[in-house]
């Protein structure tokens, strides 16, 4: 083994030890699915340095086709993690049977190409790619870009449909056949009455942060305030107005300054990411577990656990993004909810 190769292996081993300590797993590592899901909190101040180290140790292309660091949530249905792409890097075009979403955390100006459309990514944007949609990532900006990756990987594995994956035959990147914003024009309120799905279970779409934030503020102005989730909206499917996907759905919620929500519980896993603010989520009424979260922290909520949120700021709102497998429960008649 060469000295350089030995050094690379040592770097990887140190990186993987840090992953294990933080409850993370690199996409390139062997999978372990024997965990029981419990509430868990991941602090951004600990994850961010490890992501930057992973960017130095793991090279896109020679080492892995993508640089994705997953959260060890223990969920059997939905997986969530962070992907980082450095300036000048590209992640090869491919498609697969997993449905995927990207929620941009840090950086801007890079783009994900979905079925020929370059979707320019800015903080707070949500990009969705239903299964079997071609996608690749290009960072031609001057700064690293980091986003949340969430996939219905557990569901697809359980159904023995995870072996279907295809690389782009003509090279690393797809040709750009549409312009930025095409999905919003094609699948918005004014559109052709017949939508071509191009072989996928849905269409790719780009939800802009500025519009999602404006919708939250409009709900505030209208006096909407759910006692269990605060100011609450769902990213609706652009075609039928239903859940974001067949297997997952995404929410955005705002907690007003000092707001404390009431306890409730429901079936379905929820994975949260703090967009802004500082607060605490209480899980379980007896012997409660308190998860104190700050900006860009992430945490998990197992199915059927009592929970309530509190915004610790008396002057600024807190905003949480979340992804849940509740559409699966609703489609099978297993969805249940109980309020305090």
C-alpha atoms as a PDB file:
ATOM      1  CA  UNK A   1       0.000   0.000   0.000  1.00  0.00           C
ATOM      2  CA  UNK A   2       1.392   3.410  -0.928  1.00  0.00           C
ATOM      3  CA  UNK A   3       2.077   6.052   1.667  1.00  0.00           C
ATOM      4  CA  UNK A   4      -0.628   8.284   0.152  1.00  0.00           C
ATOM      5  CA  UNK A   5      -3.176   5.469   0.210  1.00  0.00           C
ATOM      6  CA  UNK A   6      -2.263   4.634   3.812  1.00  0.00           C
ATOM      7  CA  UNK A   7      -2.677   8.273   4.799  1.00  0.00           C
ATOM      8  CA  UNK A   8      -6.083   8.394   3.090  1.00  0.00           C
ATOM      9  CA  UNK A   9      -7.221   5.266   4.937  1.00  0.00           C
ATOM     10  CA  UNK A  10      -6.104   6.683   8.291  1.00  0.00           C
ATOM     11  CA  UNK A  11      -8.004   9.881   7.558  1.00  0.00           C
ATOM     12  CA  UNK A  12     -11.116   7.872   6.752  1.00  0.00           C
ATOM     13  CA  UNK A  13     -10.880   5.834   9.939  1.00  0.00           C
ATOM     14  CA  UNK A  14     -10.589   9.004  12.046  1.00  0.00           C
ATOM     15  CA  UNK A  15     -13.539  10.532  10.170  1.00  0.00           C
ATOM     16  CA  UNK A  16     -15.669   7.418  10.703  1.00  0.00           C
ATOM     17  CA  UNK A  17     -14.866   7.431  14.428  1.00  0.00           C
ATOM     18  CA  UNK A  18     -16.172  10.997  14.623  1.00  0.00           C
ATOM     19  CA  UNK A  19     -19.296   9.940  12.710  1.00  0.00           C
ATOM     20  CA  UNK A  20     -19.961   7.170  15.230  1.00  0.00           C
ATOM     21  CA  UNK A  21     -19.580   9.571  18.168  1.00  0.00           C
ATOM     22  CA  UNK A  22     -22.097  12.004  16.634  1.00  0.00           C
ATOM     23  CA  UNK A  23     -24.616   9.414  15.430  1.00  0.00           C
ATOM     24  CA  UNK A  24     -23.771   9.920  11.760  1.00  0.00           C
ATOM     25  CA  UNK A  25     -22.954   7.594   8.872  1.00  0.00           C
ATOM     26  CA  UNK A  26     -21.312   8.302   5.534  1.00  0.00           C
ATOM     27  CA  UNK A  27     -23.268   7.118   2.518  1.00  0.00           C
ATOM     28  CA  UNK A  28     -20.169   5.152   1.469  1.00  0.00           C
ATOM     29  CA  UNK A  29     -20.094   3.156   4.741  1.00  0.00           C
ATOM     30  CA  UNK A  30     -21.815  -0.183   5.298  1.00  0.00           C
ATOM     31  CA  UNK A  31     -25.440   0.186   6.347  1.00  0.00           C
ATOM     32  CA  UNK A  32     -26.716  -0.879   9.767  1.00  0.00           C
ATOM     33  CA  UNK A  33     -30.484  -1.159  10.181  1.00  0.00           C
ATOM     34  CA  UNK A  34     -30.832  -2.871  13.560  1.00  0.00           C
ATOM     35  CA  UNK A  35     -31.435   0.275  15.568  1.00  0.00           C
ATOM     36  CA  UNK A  36     -34.661   0.991  17.430  1.00  0.00           C
ATOM     37  CA  UNK A  37     -35.786   4.525  16.831  1.00  0.00           C
ATOM     38  CA  UNK A  38     -35.495   6.874  19.793  1.00  0.00           C
ATOM     39  CA  UNK A  39     -35.637  10.690  19.993  1.00  0.00           C
ATOM     40  CA  UNK A  40     -32.237  12.124  19.111  1.00  0.00           C
ATOM     41  CA  UNK A  41     -30.735  15.581  18.626  1.00  0.00           C
ATOM     42  CA  UNK A  42     -27.845  16.524  16.342  1.00  0.00           C
ATOM     43  CA  UNK A  43     -26.097  19.866  16.938  1.00  0.00           C
ATOM     44  CA  UNK A  44     -25.016  21.824  13.865  1.00  0.00           C
ATOM     45  CA  UNK A  45     -21.934  23.127  15.692  1.00  0.00           C
ATOM     46  CA  UNK A  46     -20.732  19.512  15.843  1.00  0.00           C
ATOM     47  CA  UNK A  47     -21.930  18.366  12.420  1.00  0.00           C
ATOM     48  CA  UNK A  48     -20.617  21.280  10.347  1.00  0.00           C
ATOM     49  CA  UNK A  49     -16.900  20.736  11.107  1.00  0.00           C
ATOM     50  CA  UNK A  50     -17.273  17.018  10.336  1.00  0.00           C
ATOM     51  CA  UNK A  51     -18.986  17.828   7.030  1.00  0.00           C
ATOM     52  CA  UNK A  52     -16.073  20.086   6.087  1.00  0.00           C
ATOM     53  CA  UNK A  53     -13.612  17.346   7.061  1.00  0.00           C
ATOM     54  CA  UNK A  54     -15.550  14.819   4.988  1.00  0.00           C
ATOM     55  CA  UNK A  55     -15.237  17.211   2.029  1.00  0.00           C
ATOM     56  CA  UNK A  56     -11.449  17.007   2.374  1.00  0.00           C
ATOM     57  CA  UNK A  57     -11.206  13.238   2.906  1.00  0.00           C
ATOM     58  CA  UNK A  58     -13.910  11.885   0.554  1.00  0.00           C
ATOM     59  CA  UNK A  59     -13.611  12.898  -3.082  1.00  0.00           C
ATOM     60  CA  UNK A  60     -16.664  12.850  -5.321  1.00  0.00           C
ATOM     61  CA  UNK A  61     -15.859  10.463  -8.120  1.00  0.00           C
ATOM     62  CA  UNK A  62     -12.830   8.465  -6.961  1.00  0.00           C
ATOM     63  CA  UNK A  63     -14.193   7.692  -3.461  1.00  0.00           C
ATOM     64  CA  UNK A  64     -17.977   8.047  -3.734  1.00  0.00           C
ATOM     65  CA  UNK A  65     -20.489   9.125  -6.340  1.00  0.00           C
ATOM     66  CA  UNK A  66     -21.877  11.573  -3.785  1.00  0.00           C
ATOM     67  CA  UNK A  67     -20.741  12.957  -0.422  1.00  0.00           C
ATOM     68  CA  UNK A  68     -23.696  12.358   1.856  1.00  0.00           C
ATOM     69  CA  UNK A  69     -23.471  12.107   5.653  1.00  0.00           C
ATOM     70  CA  UNK A  70     -26.616  10.509   7.072  1.00  0.00           C
ATOM     71  CA  UNK A  71     -28.192  10.959  10.489  1.00  0.00           C
ATOM     72  CA  UNK A  72     -28.542   7.653  12.331  1.00  0.00           C
ATOM     73  CA  UNK A  73     -32.210   8.196  13.162  1.00  0.00           C
ATOM     74  CA  UNK A  74     -33.258   4.570  13.472  1.00  0.00           C
ATOM     75  CA  UNK A  75     -36.255   5.245  11.192  1.00  0.00           C
ATOM     76  CA  UNK A  76     -37.344   2.242   9.145  1.00  0.00           C
ATOM     77  CA  UNK A  77     -38.960   4.361   6.440  1.00  0.00           C
ATOM     78  CA  UNK A  78     -37.330   7.759   5.868  1.00  0.00           C
ATOM     79  CA  UNK A  79     -33.612   8.584   5.905  1.00  0.00           C
ATOM     80  CA  UNK A  80     -32.186  12.075   6.339  1.00  0.00           C
ATOM     81  CA  UNK A  81     -28.686  13.502   6.159  1.00  0.00           C
ATOM     82  CA  UNK A  82     -26.532  16.282   4.746  1.00  0.00           C
ATOM     83  CA  UNK A  83     -24.838  16.508   1.388  1.00  0.00           C
ATOM     84  CA  UNK A  84     -21.961  18.884   0.682  1.00  0.00           C
ATOM     85  CA  UNK A  85     -20.613  19.833  -2.736  1.00  0.00           C
ATOM     86  CA  UNK A  86     -17.509  22.023  -2.989  1.00  0.00           C
ATOM     87  CA  UNK A  87     -16.916  24.764  -5.567  1.00  0.00           C
ATOM     88  CA  UNK A  88     -16.042  23.220  -8.932  1.00  0.00           C
ATOM     89  CA  UNK A  89     -17.437  19.789  -8.055  1.00  0.00           C
ATOM     90  CA  UNK A  90     -20.159  17.858  -9.854  1.00  0.00           C
ATOM     91  CA  UNK A  91     -22.083  14.778  -8.729  1.00  0.00           C
ATOM     92  CA  UNK A  92     -22.813  12.476 -11.661  1.00  0.00           C
ATOM     93  CA  UNK A  93     -26.300  12.269 -13.150  1.00  0.00           C
ATOM     94  CA  UNK A  94     -28.336   9.236 -12.174  1.00  0.00           C
ATOM     95  CA  UNK A  95     -31.849   8.121 -11.265  1.00  0.00           C
ATOM     96  CA  UNK A  96     -33.224   5.533  -8.867  1.00  0.00           C
ATOM     97  CA  UNK A  97     -36.361   4.159  -7.275  1.00  0.00           C
ATOM     98  CA  UNK A  98     -35.901   6.228  -4.119  1.00  0.00           C
ATOM     99  CA  UNK A  99     -37.901   9.441  -3.931  1.00  0.00           C
ATOM    100  CA  UNK A 100     -35.683  12.312  -2.758  1.00  0.00           C
ATOM    101  CA  UNK A 101     -35.869  15.889  -1.530  1.00  0.00           C
ATOM    102  CA  UNK A 102     -33.286  18.620  -0.960  1.00  0.00           C
ATOM    103  CA  UNK A 103     -33.699  21.429   1.579  1.00  0.00           C
ATOM    104  CA  UNK A 104     -30.880  23.964   1.258  1.00  0.00           C
ATOM    105  CA  UNK A 105     -29.105  24.787   4.526  1.00  0.00           C
ATOM    106  CA  UNK A 106     -26.010  26.797   3.616  1.00  0.00           C
ATOM    107  CA  UNK A 107     -24.529  28.332   0.472  1.00  0.00           C
ATOM    108  CA  UNK A 108     -26.181  29.330  -2.760  1.00  0.00           C
ATOM    109  CA  UNK A 109     -25.772  29.591  -6.507  1.00  0.00           C
ATOM    110  CA  UNK A 110     -25.115  25.901  -7.176  1.00  0.00           C
ATOM    111  CA  UNK A 111     -27.811  23.946  -8.960  1.00  0.00           C
ATOM    112  CA  UNK A 112     -29.440  20.552  -9.134  1.00  0.00           C
ATOM    113  CA  UNK A 113     -30.560  19.459 -12.591  1.00  0.00           C
ATOM    114  CA  UNK A 114     -33.886  17.562 -12.551  1.00  0.00           C
ATOM    115  CA  UNK A 115     -34.983  16.049 -15.866  1.00  0.00           C
ATOM    116  CA  UNK A 116     -33.039  18.700 -17.756  1.00  0.00           C
ATOM    117  CA  UNK A 117     -34.011  21.701 -15.583  1.00  0.00           C
ATOM    118  CA  UNK A 118     -31.256  23.510 -13.624  1.00  0.00           C
ATOM    119  CA  UNK A 119     -32.807  24.390 -10.251  1.00  0.00           C
ATOM    120  CA  UNK A 120     -30.616  27.099  -8.724  1.00  0.00           C
ATOM    121  CA  UNK A 121     -30.386  26.450  -4.992  1.00  0.00           C
ATOM    122  CA  UNK A 122     -30.658  29.163  -2.339  1.00  0.00           C
ATOM    123  CA  UNK A 123     -30.941  28.766   1.478  1.00  0.00           C
ATOM    124  CA  UNK A 124     -34.414  27.586   2.479  1.00  0.00           C
ATOM    125  CA  UNK A 125     -35.370  26.322  -0.978  1.00  0.00           C
ATOM    126  CA  UNK A 126     -36.957  22.864  -1.233  1.00  0.00           C
ATOM    127  CA  UNK A 127     -36.372  20.725  -4.323  1.00  0.00           C
ATOM    128  CA  UNK A 128     -38.268  17.482  -4.859  1.00  0.00           C
ATOM    129  CA  UNK A 129     -37.312  14.579  -7.126  1.00  0.00           C
ATOM    130  CA  UNK A 130     -39.866  11.758  -7.370  1.00  0.00           C
ATOM    131  CA  UNK A 131     -38.489   8.322  -8.072  1.00  0.00           C
ATOM    132  CA  UNK A 132     -36.930   7.699 -11.470  1.00  0.00           C
ATOM    133  CA  UNK A 133     -36.231  11.393 -12.129  1.00  0.00           C
ATOM    134  CA  UNK A 134     -32.788  12.113 -13.579  1.00  0.00           C
ATOM    135  CA  UNK A 135     -30.756  14.404 -11.324  1.00  0.00           C
ATOM    136  CA  UNK A 136     -27.212  15.657 -10.832  1.00  0.00           C
ATOM    137  CA  UNK A 137     -25.562  18.412  -8.816  1.00  0.00           C
ATOM    138  CA  UNK A 138     -23.197  21.127 -10.020  1.00  0.00           C
ATOM    139  CA  UNK A 139     -21.475  23.717  -7.857  1.00  0.00           C
ATOM    140  CA  UNK A 140     -20.095  26.454 -10.074  1.00  0.00           C
ATOM    141  CA  UNK A 141     -20.351  29.014  -7.268  1.00  0.00           C
ATOM    142  CA  UNK A 142     -17.468  30.203  -5.079  1.00  0.00           C
ATOM    143  CA  UNK A 143     -18.583  28.588  -1.831  1.00  0.00           C
ATOM    144  CA  UNK A 144     -19.510  25.109  -0.568  1.00  0.00           C
ATOM    145  CA  UNK A 145     -23.188  24.286  -0.636  1.00  0.00           C
ATOM    146  CA  UNK A 146     -24.871  22.065   1.967  1.00  0.00           C
ATOM    147  CA  UNK A 147     -28.383  20.720   1.839  1.00  0.00           C
ATOM    148  CA  UNK A 148     -30.553  18.177   3.622  1.00  0.00           C
ATOM    149  CA  UNK A 149     -31.129  14.951   1.730  1.00  0.00           C
ATOM    150  CA  UNK A 150     -34.202  12.922   2.692  1.00  0.00           C
ATOM    151  CA  UNK A 151     -35.272   9.727   0.935  1.00  0.00           C
ATOM    152  CA  UNK A 152     -37.902   7.028   1.376  1.00  0.00           C
ATOM    153  CA  UNK A 153     -35.058   4.487   1.362  1.00  0.00           C
ATOM    154  CA  UNK A 154     -36.462   2.214   4.073  1.00  0.00           C
ATOM    155  CA  UNK A 155     -39.805   1.830   2.305  1.00  0.00           C
ATOM    156  CA  UNK A 156     -38.145   1.036  -1.006  1.00  0.00           C
ATOM    157  CA  UNK A 157     -35.851  -1.554   0.613  1.00  0.00           C
ATOM    158  CA  UNK A 158     -38.776  -3.190   2.414  1.00  0.00           C
ATOM    159  CA  UNK A 159     -40.637  -3.528  -0.880  1.00  0.00           C
ATOM    160  CA  UNK A 160     -37.540  -5.035  -2.545  1.00  0.00           C
ATOM    161  CA  UNK A 161     -37.501  -2.243  -5.123  1.00  0.00           C
ATOM    162  CA  UNK A 162     -34.148  -0.668  -4.224  1.00  0.00           C
ATOM    163  CA  UNK A 163     -32.009  -2.372  -6.842  1.00  0.00           C
ATOM    164  CA  UNK A 164     -33.162  -0.156  -9.699  1.00  0.00           C
ATOM    165  CA  UNK A 165     -30.626   2.552 -10.433  1.00  0.00           C
ATOM    166  CA  UNK A 166     -29.315   3.953 -13.697  1.00  0.00           C
ATOM    167  CA  UNK A 167     -26.339   6.153 -14.537  1.00  0.00           C
ATOM    168  CA  UNK A 168     -26.561   8.795 -17.231  1.00  0.00           C
ATOM    169  CA  UNK A 169     -25.250   7.084 -20.358  1.00  0.00           C
ATOM    170  CA  UNK A 170     -23.812  10.142 -22.059  1.00  0.00           C
ATOM    171  CA  UNK A 171     -21.547  11.462 -19.306  1.00  0.00           C
ATOM    172  CA  UNK A 172     -21.514  12.951 -15.846  1.00  0.00           C
ATOM    173  CA  UNK A 173     -24.076  15.727 -16.400  1.00  0.00           C
ATOM    174  CA  UNK A 174     -27.413  15.842 -18.154  1.00  0.00           C
ATOM    175  CA  UNK A 175     -27.853  18.347 -20.967  1.00  0.00           C
ATOM    176  CA  UNK A 176     -29.858  21.370 -19.866  1.00  0.00           C
ATOM    177  CA  UNK A 177     -33.079  21.153 -21.869  1.00  0.00           C
ATOM    178  CA  UNK A 178     -35.109  23.614 -19.772  1.00  0.00           C
ATOM    179  CA  UNK A 179     -34.403  26.911 -18.056  1.00  0.00           C
ATOM    180  CA  UNK A 180     -34.331  27.667 -14.335  1.00  0.00           C
ATOM    181  CA  UNK A 181     -37.904  27.985 -13.049  1.00  0.00           C
ATOM    182  CA  UNK A 182     -39.418  25.726 -15.714  1.00  0.00           C
ATOM    183  CA  UNK A 183     -41.104  23.404 -13.184  1.00  0.00           C
ATOM    184  CA  UNK A 184     -42.802  26.344 -11.475  1.00  0.00           C
ATOM    185  CA  UNK A 185     -44.098  27.589 -14.825  1.00  0.00           C
ATOM    186  CA  UNK A 186     -45.084  24.147 -16.152  1.00  0.00           C
ATOM    187  CA  UNK A 187     -46.796  22.865 -12.995  1.00  0.00           C
ATOM    188  CA  UNK A 188     -48.082  26.090 -11.453  1.00  0.00           C
ATOM    189  CA  UNK A 189     -51.746  27.213 -11.303  1.00  0.00           C
ATOM    190  CA  UNK A 190     -51.847  28.014 -15.040  1.00  0.00           C
ATOM    191  CA  UNK A 191     -50.640  24.949 -16.944  1.00  0.00           C
ATOM    192  CA  UNK A 192     -51.343  22.504 -19.728  1.00  0.00           C
ATOM    193  CA  UNK A 193     -54.246  20.210 -18.751  1.00  0.00           C
ATOM    194  CA  UNK A 194     -52.166  17.074 -19.447  1.00  0.00           C
ATOM    195  CA  UNK A 195     -48.994  16.617 -17.379  1.00  0.00           C
ATOM    196  CA  UNK A 196     -46.258  14.318 -18.667  1.00  0.00           C
ATOM    197  CA  UNK A 197     -44.695  12.351 -15.807  1.00  0.00           C
ATOM    198  CA  UNK A 198     -41.761  11.103 -17.902  1.00  0.00           C
ATOM    199  CA  UNK A 199     -41.875   7.663 -16.274  1.00  0.00           C
ATOM    200  CA  UNK A 200     -41.702   8.955 -12.701  1.00  0.00           C
ATOM    201  CA  UNK A 201     -44.297   8.840  -9.920  1.00  0.00           C
ATOM    202  CA  UNK A 202     -44.744  12.601 -10.025  1.00  0.00           C
ATOM    203  CA  UNK A 203     -42.846  15.634 -11.301  1.00  0.00           C
ATOM    204  CA  UNK A 204     -39.767  17.444 -10.015  1.00  0.00           C
ATOM    205  CA  UNK A 205     -40.535  20.832  -8.463  1.00  0.00           C
ATOM    206  CA  UNK A 206     -38.742  23.789  -6.864  1.00  0.00           C
ATOM    207  CA  UNK A 207     -40.385  25.495  -3.860  1.00  0.00           C
ATOM    208  CA  UNK A 208     -38.785  28.888  -3.198  1.00  0.00           C
ATOM    209  CA  UNK A 209     -37.982  29.960   0.364  1.00  0.00           C
ATOM    210  CA  UNK A 210     -39.194  33.513  -0.210  1.00  0.00           C
ATOM    211  CA  UNK A 211     -42.692  32.250  -1.078  1.00  0.00           C
ATOM    212  CA  UNK A 212     -42.847  29.734   1.776  1.00  0.00           C
ATOM    213  CA  UNK A 213     -41.824  32.434   4.256  1.00  0.00           C
ATOM    214  CA  UNK A 214     -44.390  34.842   2.781  1.00  0.00           C
ATOM    215  CA  UNK A 215     -47.077  32.154   3.219  1.00  0.00           C
ATOM    216  CA  UNK A 216     -46.142  31.746   6.894  1.00  0.00           C
ATOM    217  CA  UNK A 217     -46.360  35.506   7.410  1.00  0.00           C
ATOM    218  CA  UNK A 218     -49.724  35.604   5.655  1.00  0.00           C
ATOM    219  CA  UNK A 219     -51.012  32.958   8.080  1.00  0.00           C
ATOM    220  CA  UNK A 220     -49.755  35.105  10.964  1.00  0.00           C
ATOM    221  CA  UNK A 221     -51.607  38.122   9.573  1.00  0.00           C
ATOM    222  CA  UNK A 222     -54.801  36.035   9.282  1.00  0.00           C
ATOM    223  CA  UNK A 223     -54.549  34.956  12.918  1.00  0.00           C
ATOM    224  CA  UNK A 224     -53.944  31.280  12.151  1.00  0.00           C
ATOM    225  CA  UNK A 225     -52.236  29.538  15.047  1.00  0.00           C
ATOM    226  CA  UNK A 226     -52.575  25.796  15.646  1.00  0.00           C
ATOM    227  CA  UNK A 227     -52.324  25.013  19.386  1.00  0.00           C
ATOM    228  CA  UNK A 228     -50.176  21.926  18.673  1.00  0.00           C
ATOM    229  CA  UNK A 229     -47.908  23.080  15.818  1.00  0.00           C
ATOM    230  CA  UNK A 230     -48.064  26.878  15.682  1.00  0.00           C
ATOM    231  CA  UNK A 231     -48.170  28.540  12.259  1.00  0.00           C
ATOM    232  CA  UNK A 232     -48.188  25.472  10.057  1.00  0.00           C
ATOM    233  CA  UNK A 233     -48.063  24.726   6.327  1.00  0.00           C
ATOM    234  CA  UNK A 234     -47.515  21.682   4.138  1.00  0.00           C
ATOM    235  CA  UNK A 235     -45.576  21.660   0.873  1.00  0.00           C
ATOM    236  CA  UNK A 236     -48.381  20.460  -1.371  1.00  0.00           C
ATOM    237  CA  UNK A 237     -47.867  18.225  -4.385  1.00  0.00           C
ATOM    238  CA  UNK A 238     -47.833  20.528  -7.432  1.00  0.00           C
ATOM    239  CA  UNK A 239     -50.010  18.180  -9.505  1.00  0.00           C
ATOM    240  CA  UNK A 240     -52.852  17.060  -7.242  1.00  0.00           C
ATOM    241  CA  UNK A 241     -52.565  19.283  -4.167  1.00  0.00           C
ATOM    242  CA  UNK A 242     -52.026  16.271  -1.905  1.00  0.00           C
ATOM    243  CA  UNK A 243     -48.988  15.348   0.164  1.00  0.00           C
ATOM    244  CA  UNK A 244     -45.558  16.258  -1.173  1.00  0.00           C
ATOM    245  CA  UNK A 245     -44.963  12.634  -2.236  1.00  0.00           C
ATOM    246  CA  UNK A 246     -46.806   9.316  -2.025  1.00  0.00           C
ATOM    247  CA  UNK A 247     -44.422   8.145   0.704  1.00  0.00           C
ATOM    248  CA  UNK A 248     -43.280  11.372   2.424  1.00  0.00           C
ATOM    249  CA  UNK A 249     -44.510  14.876   3.035  1.00  0.00           C
ATOM    250  CA  UNK A 250     -42.837  18.113   4.131  1.00  0.00           C
ATOM    251  CA  UNK A 251     -43.954  20.803   6.583  1.00  0.00           C
ATOM    252  CA  UNK A 252     -42.817  24.243   7.653  1.00  0.00           C
ATOM    253  CA  UNK A 253     -43.918  25.671  10.986  1.00  0.00           C
ATOM    254  CA  UNK A 254     -43.346  28.927  12.810  1.00  0.00           C
ATOM    255  CA  UNK A 255     -43.471  29.349  16.560  1.00  0.00           C
ATOM    256  CA  UNK A 256     -44.232  32.884  17.668  1.00  0.00           C
ATOM    257  CA  UNK A 257     -41.926  34.529  20.240  1.00  0.00           C
ATOM    258  CA  UNK A 258     -42.329  32.751  23.560  1.00  0.00           C
ATOM    259  CA  UNK A 259     -44.952  30.360  22.173  1.00  0.00           C
ATOM    260  CA  UNK A 260     -45.464  26.990  23.882  1.00  0.00           C
ATOM    261  CA  UNK A 261     -47.565  24.436  22.006  1.00  0.00           C
ATOM    262  CA  UNK A 262     -49.789  21.840  23.644  1.00  0.00           C
ATOM    263  CA  UNK A 263     -48.872  18.154  23.783  1.00  0.00           C
ATOM    264  CA  UNK A 264     -50.137  15.786  21.104  1.00  0.00           C
ATOM    265  CA  UNK A 265     -49.028  12.550  19.485  1.00  0.00           C
ATOM    266  CA  UNK A 266     -49.575  10.762  16.191  1.00  0.00           C
ATOM    267  CA  UNK A 267     -48.416   7.769  14.228  1.00  0.00           C
ATOM    268  CA  UNK A 268     -45.619   8.349  11.749  1.00  0.00           C
ATOM    269  CA  UNK A 269     -41.970   9.335  12.045  1.00  0.00           C
ATOM    270  CA  UNK A 270     -41.001  13.031  11.876  1.00  0.00           C
ATOM    271  CA  UNK A 271     -37.483  14.338  11.218  1.00  0.00           C
ATOM    272  CA  UNK A 272     -36.947  18.026  12.013  1.00  0.00           C
ATOM    273  CA  UNK A 273     -34.427  20.670  10.999  1.00  0.00           C
ATOM    274  CA  UNK A 274     -34.225  24.100  12.631  1.00  0.00           C
ATOM    275  CA  UNK A 275     -34.250  26.785   9.950  1.00  0.00           C
ATOM    276  CA  UNK A 276     -33.974  29.635  12.426  1.00  0.00           C
ATOM    277  CA  UNK A 277     -34.390  30.353  16.108  1.00  0.00           C
ATOM    278  CA  UNK A 278     -33.797  28.570  19.377  1.00  0.00           C
ATOM    279  CA  UNK A 279     -36.202  26.415  21.315  1.00  0.00           C
ATOM    280  CA  UNK A 280     -36.919  23.163  23.064  1.00  0.00           C
ATOM    281  CA  UNK A 281     -39.040  20.152  22.134  1.00  0.00           C
ATOM    282  CA  UNK A 282     -40.432  18.099  25.027  1.00  0.00           C
ATOM    283  CA  UNK A 283     -41.004  14.415  24.253  1.00  0.00           C
ATOM    284  CA  UNK A 284     -43.145  12.246  26.571  1.00  0.00           C
ATOM    285  CA  UNK A 285     -45.233  13.580  29.445  1.00  0.00           C
ATOM    286  CA  UNK A 286     -43.893  11.290  32.150  1.00  0.00           C
ATOM    287  CA  UNK A 287     -40.108  11.391  32.474  1.00  0.00           C
ATOM    288  CA  UNK A 288     -39.952  13.873  29.573  1.00  0.00           C
ATOM    289  CA  UNK A 289     -36.920  14.181  27.333  1.00  0.00           C
ATOM    290  CA  UNK A 290     -36.036  17.789  26.482  1.00  0.00           C
ATOM    291  CA  UNK A 291     -34.213  18.488  23.245  1.00  0.00           C
ATOM    292  CA  UNK A 292     -32.769  21.996  23.206  1.00  0.00           C
ATOM    293  CA  UNK A 293     -32.295  23.067  19.594  1.00  0.00           C
ATOM    294  CA  UNK A 294     -30.567  26.018  17.955  1.00  0.00           C
ATOM    295  CA  UNK A 295     -30.244  27.212  14.359  1.00  0.00           C
ATOM    296  CA  UNK A 296     -29.541  24.357  11.887  1.00  0.00           C
ATOM    297  CA  UNK A 297     -29.816  21.664  14.568  1.00  0.00           C
ATOM    298  CA  UNK A 298     -31.775  18.520  13.637  1.00  0.00           C
ATOM    299  CA  UNK A 299     -33.804  16.097  15.738  1.00  0.00           C
ATOM    300  CA  UNK A 300     -36.000  13.032  15.349  1.00  0.00           C
ATOM    301  CA  UNK A 301     -39.457  12.178  16.688  1.00  0.00           C
ATOM    302  CA  UNK A 302     -40.517   8.492  16.725  1.00  0.00           C
ATOM    303  CA  UNK A 303     -44.090   7.450  16.066  1.00  0.00           C
ATOM    304  CA  UNK A 304     -46.766   7.839  18.778  1.00  0.00           C
ATOM    305  CA  UNK A 305     -44.751   9.907  21.256  1.00  0.00           C
ATOM    306  CA  UNK A 306     -46.255  12.874  23.101  1.00  0.00           C
ATOM    307  CA  UNK A 307     -44.458  16.074  22.110  1.00  0.00           C
ATOM    308  CA  UNK A 308     -44.693  19.840  22.443  1.00  0.00           C
ATOM    309  CA  UNK A 309     -42.517  22.741  21.264  1.00  0.00           C
ATOM    310  CA  UNK A 310     -41.388  25.958  22.934  1.00  0.00           C
ATOM    311  CA  UNK A 311     -39.751  29.006  21.350  1.00  0.00           C
ATOM    312  CA  UNK A 312     -37.166  30.238  23.862  1.00  0.00           C
ATOM    313  CA  UNK A 313     -36.907  33.691  22.280  1.00  0.00           C
ATOM    314  CA  UNK A 314     -39.276  36.402  23.488  1.00  0.00           C
ATOM    315  CA  UNK A 315     -38.574  38.614  20.472  1.00  0.00           C
ATOM    316  CA  UNK A 316     -37.978  36.429  17.381  1.00  0.00           C
ATOM    317  CA  UNK A 317     -39.975  33.612  15.756  1.00  0.00           C
ATOM    318  CA  UNK A 318     -38.537  30.115  15.390  1.00  0.00           C
ATOM    319  CA  UNK A 319     -39.003  28.119  12.172  1.00  0.00           C
ATOM    320  CA  UNK A 320     -38.806  24.331  11.802  1.00  0.00           C
ATOM    321  CA  UNK A 321     -38.719  22.310   8.576  1.00  0.00           C
ATOM    322  CA  UNK A 322     -39.804  18.676   8.854  1.00  0.00           C
ATOM    323  CA  UNK A 323     -40.294  15.557   6.757  1.00  0.00           C
ATOM    324  CA  UNK A 324     -42.640  12.747   7.737  1.00  0.00           C
ATOM    325  CA  UNK A 325     -43.810   9.354   6.479  1.00  0.00           C
ATOM    326  CA  UNK A 326     -47.416  10.040   7.530  1.00  0.00           C
ATOM    327  CA  UNK A 327     -48.760   9.689   3.937  1.00  0.00           C
ATOM    328  CA  UNK A 328     -47.942   5.983   4.212  1.00  0.00           C
ATOM    329  CA  UNK A 329     -49.992   5.715   7.400  1.00  0.00           C
ATOM    330  CA  UNK A 330     -52.893   7.625   5.882  1.00  0.00           C
ATOM    331  CA  UNK A 331     -52.889   5.560   2.687  1.00  0.00           C
ATOM    332  CA  UNK A 332     -53.063   2.331   4.703  1.00  0.00           C
ATOM    333  CA  UNK A 333     -55.637   3.489   7.263  1.00  0.00           C
ATOM    334  CA  UNK A 334     -53.087   3.423  10.084  1.00  0.00           C
ATOM    335  CA  UNK A 335     -52.905   7.167  10.763  1.00  0.00           C
ATOM    336  CA  UNK A 336     -53.917   8.091  14.322  1.00  0.00           C
ATOM    337  CA  UNK A 337     -53.635  11.313  16.316  1.00  0.00           C
ATOM    338  CA  UNK A 338     -54.393  12.190  19.921  1.00  0.00           C
ATOM    339  CA  UNK A 339     -54.444  15.715  21.317  1.00  0.00           C
ATOM    340  CA  UNK A 340     -54.069  16.819  24.917  1.00  0.00           C
END
